[in-house]
Amino acid sequence: MELPFEKYSNSPQRTPRIFLLLVLAVVVLGLINLYHPFNLYPADLVTQNPSEISPIYHAEEQKIKIKEPETCDIFTGEWVWNPDAPYYTNMTCYAIHEHQNCMKYGRPDSDYLKWRWKPNGCELPIFNPFQFLDLVRNKSLALVGDSVGRNQIQSLICLLARVEYPVDISDNPDQAFKKYKYTTYNFTLATYWSPFLVSTKEADADGPSHTGVYNLLLNEADEKWTTEIEGYDYVILNAGHWFARISVYFENNQRVGCRYCRIPDVSELPLTYAYQRAFRTALKAINNLENFKGVAILRTFAPSHFEGGEWNKGGDCTRTRPYRSNETTLEGQTLEQYRIQVEEFKIAEEEGKMKGKKFRLMDTTQAMLLRPDGHPSKYGHWPNANVVLYNDCVHWCLPGPIDSWADFLFHMFKMKGTRSLEEKLQ
C-alpha cells in the first residue's frame, strides 16, 4: 500500500513547497509561544483571577502580593508627590456628587490631585481596581453613616470604574439608601444614611441656627441600618460632623440634656457626651447581631479645615498644599472625638472576641488632618447658583485626597485574606 506522503516525497516539483511549509510551521510555533495570551500574565493569576487581565496594567502589577508586613502602621506617615495621579477625572466618572465636583466648578489649582499617602517605614500600594474586585468577588460591603461616608462610596465607584460600573439595584426610592451590584464579580456595595448612628427624630426643621433640631435616642441604634447589615461581609461605620448640630439627648426615654437647644431647665451637655454614647450604642448593636458574621470597620473622624471663621461665619479652606506631620496636630474637639472613637472601638473589639465578632479600625484621621487643600471650598457650585452659599471645608473634592481611603481599604482586605489563609493552614 502506498502512503500519501510518498507521492509527494518522490516528486521534485513538490520539494520547494514542502520546505516552505516546514519553515512556516516553525515560525508559527514560535509565535504561538510568544503571543499566547496566557503568557502575558503569571500562571496562577490566569487560572484563579481571570478578571484581572487588562491592557491598562502591566503584568507584574496584576499579581496580588499577599505577604505584606502587618507590623507597619499604615495610618501614620506623610503625603508625598505622585505625578501619576489622579486615576480618574470628572469627565470619566459619572458618580461624582455636584458639591464635590471641584474640576467642573472651576477650581484653578490642581496640585491637590498629585499626592499619595506614604506610611512611615513601609509602602502603601496604590489602589488596583482589578485586584480589589477579585478580593471582594461574591462579597458585599455596606457603608453606614453620613455624607462623608457617601463621599467615600462615590470615590470608590469612580476608582472601580476603570474596570466596571455597577448596576443600581436599590430597593428603596430614597437616594440616601442606595445599593449597587458589580455583576461580573457578584459584589454588592450599599450605603445606609444614619448620620448619628442612633435613632433620630427631627424635632424642628429650622431651629435657632437654621440647621434643624434633632432628638437623639442615645441608647437605641438606628434600625434603618441594624436591621439590614447582618448579611454583609463588611460594614464600615462613620459619623462625626452632624453631632455639631443642635440636638436634644434622650436615654431610656428620658431627656438628659441638649446641645445649644435653648430649652428652659434642660442642661447643656458637650458634643462629646452624645458622641461617646452613640458609638458605644452602635458598636454594641453589632455585637448583639447573632447572624452577623462579617467584619465591622470603624472609620475614624475626618477633620474639617475651616479657617478665619466657622462654617456659617465666613470660614474657608484656601490652602493649596498638604501639611507636613510636624506642622499641625490634633487638638480640641477633633482630638476628643478621635479619642472617643478609638476607646469605644477597643471596648467593642474585646467584647466581640468573646462572641466571635471581627472588628477593624480604619484610622483616617491623621492622614486627613494633613489635607486642608483637599476640600471643595467654594468650588461645589457656580458662583451665582441659587443655593445656600457656604464654603465646604468638610467634604472632599473628587478626585482628591479621599481616594487614598481606597488604598487603606485595599490593604486591609488583603491582610484579612492573609489571616484567613494562615488560619486555614494552622
Protein backbone atom coordinates (compact mmCIF):
# COMPACT_ATOMS: atom_id res chain seq x y z
CA MET A 1 0.00 0.00 0.00
CA GLU A 2 1.38 3.35 -0.99
CA LEU A 3 1.23 6.02 1.73
CA PRO A 4 0.12 9.50 0.60
CA PHE A 5 3.27 11.29 1.67
CA GLU A 6 5.38 9.01 -0.51
CA LYS A 7 3.78 10.56 -3.57
CA TYR A 8 4.93 13.99 -2.55
CA SER A 9 8.37 12.92 -1.39
CA ASN A 10 9.11 11.40 -4.79
CA SER A 11 8.05 14.49 -6.68
CA PRO A 12 10.85 17.01 -7.26
CA GLN A 13 8.27 19.73 -8.04
CA ARG A 14 6.85 19.43 -4.51
CA THR A 15 10.15 19.87 -2.66
CA PRO A 16 10.25 23.73 -2.54
CA ARG A 17 6.62 23.79 -1.34
CA ILE A 18 7.34 21.29 1.47
CA PHE A 19 10.36 23.30 2.53
CA LEU A 20 8.31 26.49 2.68
CA LEU A 21 5.62 24.73 4.71
CA LEU A 22 8.20 23.49 7.20
CA VAL A 23 9.69 26.96 7.60
CA LEU A 24 6.22 28.45 8.08
CA ALA A 25 5.36 25.81 10.71
CA VAL A 26 8.49 26.62 12.72
CA VAL A 27 7.72 30.34 12.64
CA VAL A 28 4.08 29.84 13.66
CA LEU A 29 5.02 27.57 16.55
CA GLY A 30 7.47 30.16 17.78
CA LEU A 31 4.89 32.93 17.56
CA ILE A 32 2.31 30.90 19.47
CA ASN A 33 4.67 30.75 22.41
CA LEU A 34 5.30 34.48 22.20
CA TYR A 35 1.74 35.67 21.74
CA HIS A 36 -0.33 33.11 23.59
CA PRO A 37 -2.48 35.30 25.91
CA PHE A 38 -1.75 33.16 28.97
CA ASN A 39 1.94 34.03 28.69
CA LEU A 40 1.19 37.71 29.33
CA TYR A 41 0.29 37.06 32.97
CA PRO A 42 1.52 34.88 35.85
CA ALA A 43 0.12 31.36 35.54
CA ASP A 44 -1.59 31.35 38.91
CA LEU A 45 -3.24 34.69 38.08
CA VAL A 46 -4.76 33.40 34.86
CA THR A 47 -6.19 30.26 36.44
CA GLN A 48 -7.50 31.87 39.62
CA ASN A 49 -8.21 35.51 38.77
CA PRO A 50 -9.08 35.83 35.08
CA SER A 51 -10.97 39.08 35.59
CA GLU A 52 -7.77 40.95 36.44
CA ILE A 53 -6.46 40.72 32.89
CA SER A 54 -6.49 44.13 31.25
CA PRO A 55 -4.17 46.07 28.96
CA ILE A 56 -4.34 49.02 31.37
CA TYR A 57 -1.94 47.40 33.83
CA HIS A 58 1.42 45.74 33.34
CA ALA A 59 1.53 42.03 34.12
CA GLU A 60 3.83 42.47 37.08
CA GLU A 61 1.27 44.79 38.67
CA GLN A 62 -1.50 42.24 38.39
CA LYS A 63 -0.33 39.66 40.89
CA ILE A 64 -1.64 40.26 44.41
CA LYS A 65 1.18 40.29 46.91
CA ILE A 66 -0.47 38.66 49.89
CA LYS A 67 2.51 38.79 52.22
CA GLU A 68 2.95 42.35 53.44
CA PRO A 69 4.27 43.44 56.83
CA GLU A 70 1.48 43.71 59.38
CA THR A 71 3.84 45.45 61.80
CA CYS A 72 3.77 48.66 59.77
CA ASP A 73 1.26 51.30 60.86
CA ILE A 74 -0.15 52.36 57.51
CA PHE A 75 -2.10 55.21 59.12
CA THR A 76 0.96 57.20 60.29
CA GLY A 77 3.03 58.93 57.64
CA GLU A 78 3.28 61.82 55.19
CA TRP A 79 1.80 62.89 51.88
CA VAL A 80 4.33 62.58 49.05
CA TRP A 81 4.21 63.82 45.48
CA ASN A 82 2.56 61.48 43.00
CA PRO A 83 2.82 62.63 39.36
CA ASP A 84 0.70 59.68 38.16
CA ALA A 85 -2.45 60.86 39.94
CA PRO A 86 -5.35 61.34 39.50
CA TYR A 87 -6.67 58.00 38.29
CA TYR A 88 -9.97 59.38 37.03
CA THR A 89 -11.49 62.79 36.29
CA ASN A 90 -14.92 64.37 36.43
CA MET A 91 -15.22 63.52 32.72
CA THR A 92 -14.56 59.79 33.21
CA CYS A 93 -16.74 59.19 36.28
CA TYR A 94 -20.47 59.85 36.48
CA ALA A 95 -20.73 59.18 40.25
CA ILE A 96 -19.27 62.48 41.48
CA HIS A 97 -21.75 64.50 43.53
CA GLU A 98 -22.06 68.04 42.21
CA HIS A 99 -20.91 69.56 45.51
CA GLN A 100 -17.60 67.69 45.28
CA ASN A 101 -17.03 68.27 41.56
CA CYS A 102 -14.23 70.80 42.01
CA MET A 103 -12.93 70.40 38.45
CA LYS A 104 -16.32 71.21 36.95
CA TYR A 105 -16.82 74.34 39.02
CA GLY A 106 -13.51 75.92 38.18
CA ARG A 107 -11.04 75.22 40.96
CA PRO A 108 -7.96 76.95 39.47
CA ASP A 109 -5.19 74.84 41.07
CA SER A 110 -4.54 71.14 40.50
CA ASP A 111 -1.65 70.19 42.81
CA TYR A 112 -4.15 68.87 45.36
CA LEU A 113 -4.66 65.93 42.97
CA LYS A 114 -0.99 64.93 42.94
CA TRP A 115 -0.31 63.40 46.34
CA ARG A 116 -0.35 59.90 47.77
CA TRP A 117 -0.12 58.67 51.35
CA LYS A 118 3.26 57.24 52.34
CA PRO A 119 3.33 55.41 55.72
CA ASN A 120 6.43 55.69 57.87
CA GLY A 121 8.65 52.67 57.32
CA CYS A 122 6.72 50.90 54.55
CA GLU A 123 4.83 51.39 51.32
CA LEU A 124 1.08 51.55 50.80
CA PRO A 125 0.40 50.30 47.26
CA ILE A 126 -1.81 52.43 45.05
CA PHE A 127 -5.32 51.05 44.74
CA ASN A 128 -5.66 48.44 41.99
CA PRO A 129 -9.32 48.13 40.93
CA PHE A 130 -8.85 44.75 39.25
CA GLN A 131 -7.30 43.17 42.30
CA PHE A 132 -9.78 44.84 44.64
CA LEU A 133 -12.76 43.44 42.76
CA ASP A 134 -11.22 39.98 42.79
CA LEU A 135 -10.74 40.24 46.57
CA VAL A 136 -14.41 41.11 47.04
CA ARG A 137 -15.78 38.67 44.49
CA ASN A 138 -19.07 37.18 45.78
CA LYS A 139 -18.97 39.52 48.78
CA SER A 140 -20.80 42.63 49.98
CA LEU A 141 -19.86 45.94 51.60
CA ALA A 142 -22.21 48.33 53.40
CA LEU A 143 -21.29 51.82 54.50
CA VAL A 144 -23.31 53.29 57.35
CA GLY A 145 -23.07 56.94 58.33
CA ASP A 146 -23.15 60.47 56.98
CA SER A 147 -22.34 62.37 53.78
CA VAL A 148 -18.58 62.00 54.22
CA GLY A 149 -19.21 58.26 54.07
CA ARG A 150 -21.22 58.80 50.90
CA ASN A 151 -18.25 60.82 49.63
CA GLN A 152 -16.14 57.69 50.18
CA ILE A 153 -18.58 55.47 48.27
CA GLN A 154 -18.53 57.84 45.29
CA SER A 155 -14.73 57.82 45.34
CA LEU A 156 -14.68 54.02 45.35
CA ILE A 157 -17.16 53.83 42.46
CA CYS A 158 -15.01 56.23 40.43
CA LEU A 159 -11.84 54.24 41.09
CA LEU A 160 -13.55 50.96 40.19
CA ALA A 161 -14.99 52.48 37.01
CA ARG A 162 -11.75 51.62 35.22
CA VAL A 163 -12.99 48.03 35.40
CA GLU A 164 -16.76 48.17 35.61
CA TYR A 165 -19.68 50.40 36.53
CA PRO A 166 -22.20 48.93 38.98
CA VAL A 167 -25.89 48.38 38.36
CA ASP A 168 -28.29 50.20 40.66
CA ILE A 169 -30.34 47.51 42.44
CA SER A 170 -31.75 49.76 45.17
CA ASP A 171 -34.99 48.59 46.72
CA ASN A 172 -35.55 51.95 48.40
CA PRO A 173 -36.51 55.07 46.38
CA ASP A 174 -34.75 57.26 48.94
CA GLN A 175 -31.41 58.44 47.50
CA ALA A 176 -29.89 58.13 50.96
CA PHE A 177 -30.22 54.35 50.79
CA LYS A 178 -28.52 53.04 47.68
CA LYS A 179 -27.47 49.55 46.67
CA TYR A 180 -25.26 48.71 43.71
CA LYS A 181 -24.03 45.48 42.16
CA TYR A 182 -20.90 44.73 40.15
CA THR A 183 -22.41 41.93 38.14
CA THR A 184 -19.18 40.46 36.76
CA TYR A 185 -17.88 39.99 40.29
CA ASN A 186 -21.15 39.48 42.16
CA PHE A 187 -20.04 42.26 44.51
CA THR A 188 -22.69 44.34 46.27
CA LEU A 189 -21.99 47.87 47.51
CA ALA A 190 -24.56 49.68 49.66
CA THR A 191 -24.92 52.88 51.64
CA TYR A 192 -27.24 53.49 54.60
CA TRP A 193 -27.85 57.04 55.72
CA SER A 194 -27.55 57.37 59.50
CA PRO A 195 -25.52 60.47 60.43
CA PHE A 196 -25.92 59.90 64.19
CA LEU A 197 -25.90 56.06 64.08
CA VAL A 198 -28.64 56.09 66.74
CA SER A 199 -32.40 56.56 66.42
CA THR A 200 -33.16 60.16 65.49
CA LYS A 201 -36.19 62.36 65.09
CA GLU A 202 -36.10 65.83 63.60
CA ALA A 203 -37.96 67.94 66.15
CA ASP A 204 -37.69 71.19 64.21
CA ALA A 205 -36.68 71.57 60.57
CA ASP A 206 -35.35 75.08 61.20
CA GLY A 207 -34.21 75.75 64.76
CA PRO A 208 -32.08 78.54 66.23
CA SER A 209 -29.21 78.07 63.75
CA HIS A 210 -31.46 77.14 60.77
CA THR A 211 -29.92 73.67 60.58
CA GLY A 212 -32.70 71.78 62.33
CA VAL A 213 -33.10 70.43 65.86
CA TYR A 214 -32.73 66.69 66.39
CA ASN A 215 -33.86 64.39 69.16
CA LEU A 216 -31.24 61.68 69.64
CA LEU A 217 -32.16 58.43 71.39
CA LEU A 218 -28.63 57.70 72.52
CA ASN A 219 -29.23 54.16 73.79
CA GLU A 220 -31.12 52.97 70.68
CA ALA A 221 -29.22 52.12 67.49
CA ASP A 222 -30.87 53.23 64.27
CA GLU A 223 -32.93 50.33 62.91
CA LYS A 224 -32.56 51.69 59.39
CA TRP A 225 -29.14 50.04 59.32
CA THR A 226 -29.15 47.50 62.15
CA THR A 227 -31.97 45.54 60.51
CA GLU A 228 -30.15 45.49 57.15
CA ILE A 229 -26.49 44.62 57.71
CA GLU A 230 -26.49 41.05 59.02
CA GLY A 231 -25.83 39.54 55.61
CA TYR A 232 -22.94 41.82 54.69
CA ASP A 233 -19.32 40.68 54.64
CA TYR A 234 -18.01 44.15 55.52
CA VAL A 235 -19.70 47.07 57.27
CA ILE A 236 -17.99 50.47 57.60
CA LEU A 237 -19.31 52.80 60.32
CA ASN A 238 -18.61 56.53 60.28
CA ALA A 239 -20.12 59.58 61.94
CA GLY A 240 -18.92 62.92 63.16
CA HIS A 241 -19.90 66.30 61.76
CA TRP A 242 -23.64 66.05 62.39
CA PHE A 243 -23.06 65.94 66.14
CA ALA A 244 -22.21 69.65 65.97
CA ARG A 245 -25.86 70.38 65.17
CA ILE A 246 -28.41 71.46 67.75
CA SER A 247 -29.69 68.30 69.43
CA VAL A 248 -31.71 67.13 72.41
CA TYR A 249 -30.41 63.98 74.09
CA PHE A 250 -32.59 61.14 75.38
CA GLU A 251 -31.63 57.97 77.24
CA ASN A 252 -34.15 55.32 78.29
CA ASN A 253 -36.92 57.62 77.07
CA GLN A 254 -35.79 60.36 79.45
CA ARG A 255 -34.46 63.73 78.31
CA VAL A 256 -30.99 64.09 79.81
CA GLY A 257 -29.71 67.28 78.20
CA CYS A 258 -29.02 69.02 74.93
CA ARG A 259 -26.56 70.96 72.84
CA TYR A 260 -27.46 74.62 72.18
CA CYS A 261 -31.20 73.82 72.29
CA ARG A 262 -32.20 76.84 74.44
CA ILE A 263 -34.93 74.86 76.17
CA PRO A 264 -35.66 76.08 79.72
CA ASP A 265 -34.50 73.75 82.51
CA VAL A 266 -32.59 71.46 80.11
CA SER A 267 -28.90 71.01 80.90
CA GLU A 268 -26.30 71.92 78.29
CA LEU A 269 -24.04 68.97 77.54
CA PRO A 270 -20.95 68.88 75.33
CA LEU A 271 -20.98 67.30 71.89
CA THR A 272 -18.69 64.56 73.18
CA TYR A 273 -21.39 63.34 75.60
CA ALA A 274 -23.63 62.25 72.72
CA TYR A 275 -20.73 61.16 70.54
CA GLN A 276 -19.40 58.67 73.07
CA ARG A 277 -22.82 57.17 73.80
CA ALA A 278 -23.79 56.96 70.13
CA PHE A 279 -20.68 54.99 69.18
CA ARG A 280 -21.00 52.71 72.19
CA THR A 281 -24.61 52.00 71.25
CA ALA A 282 -23.82 51.40 67.58
CA LEU A 283 -20.88 49.06 68.22
CA LYS A 284 -22.80 47.16 70.88
CA ALA A 285 -25.65 46.71 68.41
CA ILE A 286 -23.25 44.98 66.01
CA ASN A 287 -22.00 42.70 68.78
CA ASN A 288 -25.61 41.79 69.56
CA LEU A 289 -26.45 40.78 65.97
CA GLU A 290 -26.42 36.99 66.19
CA ASN A 291 -26.30 36.40 62.45
CA PHE A 292 -23.66 38.99 61.56
CA LYS A 293 -20.54 37.05 60.53
CA GLY A 294 -18.74 39.80 58.67
CA VAL A 295 -16.10 42.36 59.57
CA ALA A 296 -17.14 45.64 61.21
CA ILE A 297 -14.82 48.52 60.32
CA LEU A 298 -14.87 51.80 62.23
CA ARG A 299 -13.59 54.61 60.03
CA THR A 300 -12.28 57.40 62.23
CA PHE A 301 -13.23 61.05 62.05
CA ALA A 302 -12.04 63.15 59.09
CA PRO A 303 -11.39 66.71 60.38
CA SER A 304 -12.75 69.81 58.68
CA HIS A 305 -10.41 72.72 57.93
CA PHE A 306 -12.29 75.99 58.37
CA GLU A 307 -10.01 78.98 58.84
CA GLY A 308 -10.94 82.59 59.50
CA GLY A 309 -14.34 81.73 60.95
CA GLU A 310 -16.87 78.96 61.45
CA TRP A 311 -18.70 77.30 58.57
CA ASN A 312 -21.58 79.81 58.70
CA LYS A 313 -19.42 82.82 59.58
CA GLY A 314 -17.14 83.14 56.58
CA GLY A 315 -14.76 80.28 57.35
CA ASP A 316 -12.89 78.93 54.34
CA CYS A 317 -10.15 76.47 53.30
CA THR A 318 -7.95 78.04 50.66
CA ARG A 319 -4.65 76.25 51.19
CA THR A 320 -3.18 74.56 48.14
CA ARG A 321 -0.66 72.15 49.71
CA PRO A 322 -0.81 69.46 52.41
CA TYR A 323 0.67 69.99 55.84
CA ARG A 324 3.73 68.07 56.92
CA SER A 325 3.10 65.95 60.02
CA ASN A 326 5.13 68.39 62.18
CA GLU A 327 3.14 71.42 61.03
CA THR A 328 -0.18 70.64 62.72
CA THR A 329 -1.66 68.39 65.37
CA LEU A 330 -4.99 67.08 66.57
CA GLU A 331 -6.44 69.30 69.26
CA GLY A 332 -9.63 70.45 70.88
CA GLN A 333 -12.92 68.87 69.90
CA THR A 334 -11.43 66.94 66.97
CA LEU A 335 -8.95 65.26 69.29
CA GLU A 336 -11.72 64.38 71.74
CA GLN A 337 -13.89 62.86 69.02
CA TYR A 338 -10.96 60.80 67.78
CA ARG A 339 -10.16 59.55 71.30
CA ILE A 340 -13.76 58.54 71.85
CA GLN A 341 -13.85 56.52 68.64
CA VAL A 342 -10.63 54.67 69.45
CA GLU A 343 -11.68 53.95 73.04
CA GLU A 344 -15.13 52.69 72.06
CA PHE A 345 -13.61 50.60 69.30
CA LYS A 346 -11.29 48.87 71.78
CA ILE A 347 -14.20 48.12 74.11
CA ALA A 348 -16.29 46.67 71.30
CA GLU A 349 -13.38 44.67 69.91
CA GLU A 350 -12.75 42.99 73.28
CA GLU A 351 -16.43 42.19 73.71
CA GLY A 352 -16.58 40.95 70.13
CA LYS A 353 -13.76 38.45 70.65
CA MET A 354 -15.92 36.58 73.14
CA LYS A 355 -18.79 36.49 70.64
CA GLY A 356 -16.76 35.60 67.57
CA LYS A 357 -17.17 39.06 66.05
CA LYS A 358 -14.46 40.78 63.99
CA PHE A 359 -13.64 44.49 64.27
CA ARG A 360 -11.08 46.58 62.40
CA LEU A 361 -10.08 50.23 62.79
CA MET A 362 -9.64 52.32 59.64
CA ASP A 363 -7.73 55.26 61.10
CA THR A 364 -8.00 58.04 58.51
CA THR A 365 -7.83 60.94 60.98
CA GLN A 366 -4.10 61.71 60.88
CA ALA A 367 -3.86 61.50 57.10
CA MET A 368 -6.86 63.75 56.53
CA LEU A 369 -5.79 66.25 59.18
CA LEU A 370 -2.84 66.99 56.89
CA ARG A 371 -5.02 67.80 53.84
CA PRO A 372 -6.52 71.30 54.24
CA ASP A 373 -6.08 71.65 50.49
CA GLY A 374 -8.46 68.87 49.53
CA HIS A 375 -11.89 70.41 50.21
CA PRO A 376 -14.26 71.96 47.64
CA SER A 377 -14.37 75.35 49.41
CA LYS A 378 -16.47 77.48 47.02
CA TYR A 379 -15.95 75.14 44.06
CA GLY A 380 -19.00 72.96 44.63
CA HIS A 381 -21.38 75.16 42.64
CA TRP A 382 -21.39 78.05 40.20
CA PRO A 383 -20.79 81.47 41.81
CA ASN A 384 -24.34 82.66 41.01
CA ALA A 385 -26.06 79.38 41.92
CA ASN A 386 -29.36 79.56 43.80
CA VAL A 387 -28.13 77.52 46.78
CA VAL A 388 -27.22 78.16 50.39
CA LEU A 389 -23.76 79.59 49.87
CA TYR A 390 -21.06 78.49 52.27
CA ASN A 391 -17.56 77.22 51.84
CA ASP A 392 -17.40 73.43 52.07
CA CYS A 393 -14.39 72.51 54.19
CA VAL A 394 -15.92 69.23 55.37
CA HIS A 395 -16.30 67.07 52.26
CA TRP A 396 -13.55 66.24 49.77
CA CYS A 397 -13.03 67.03 46.10
CA LEU A 398 -13.37 64.11 43.69
CA PRO A 399 -10.84 63.18 42.58
CA GLY A 400 -8.90 64.15 45.67
CA PRO A 401 -7.40 63.05 49.00
CA ILE A 402 -10.34 60.82 49.89
CA ASP A 403 -9.27 58.45 47.11
CA SER A 404 -6.50 57.34 49.48
CA TRP A 405 -9.16 55.66 51.61
CA ALA A 406 -9.43 53.05 48.88
CA ASP A 407 -5.69 52.40 49.33
CA PHE A 408 -6.30 51.81 53.05
CA LEU A 409 -9.30 49.58 52.41
CA PHE A 410 -7.47 47.56 49.75
CA HIS A 411 -4.59 46.91 52.17
CA MET A 412 -6.97 45.93 54.97
CA PHE A 413 -8.80 43.46 52.75
CA LYS A 414 -5.53 41.92 51.62
CA MET A 415 -4.38 41.50 55.22
CA LYS A 416 -7.70 39.90 56.11
CA GLY A 417 -7.07 37.46 53.28
CA THR A 418 -3.65 36.71 54.72
CA ARG A 419 -5.06 36.00 58.16
CA SER A 420 -7.77 33.73 56.75
CA LEU A 421 -5.22 31.76 54.76
CA GLU A 422 -2.92 31.37 57.78
CA GLU A 423 -5.85 30.23 59.95
CA LYS A 424 -6.72 27.53 57.42
CA LEU A 425 -3.13 26.29 57.36
CA GLN A 426 -2.83 26.01 61.14
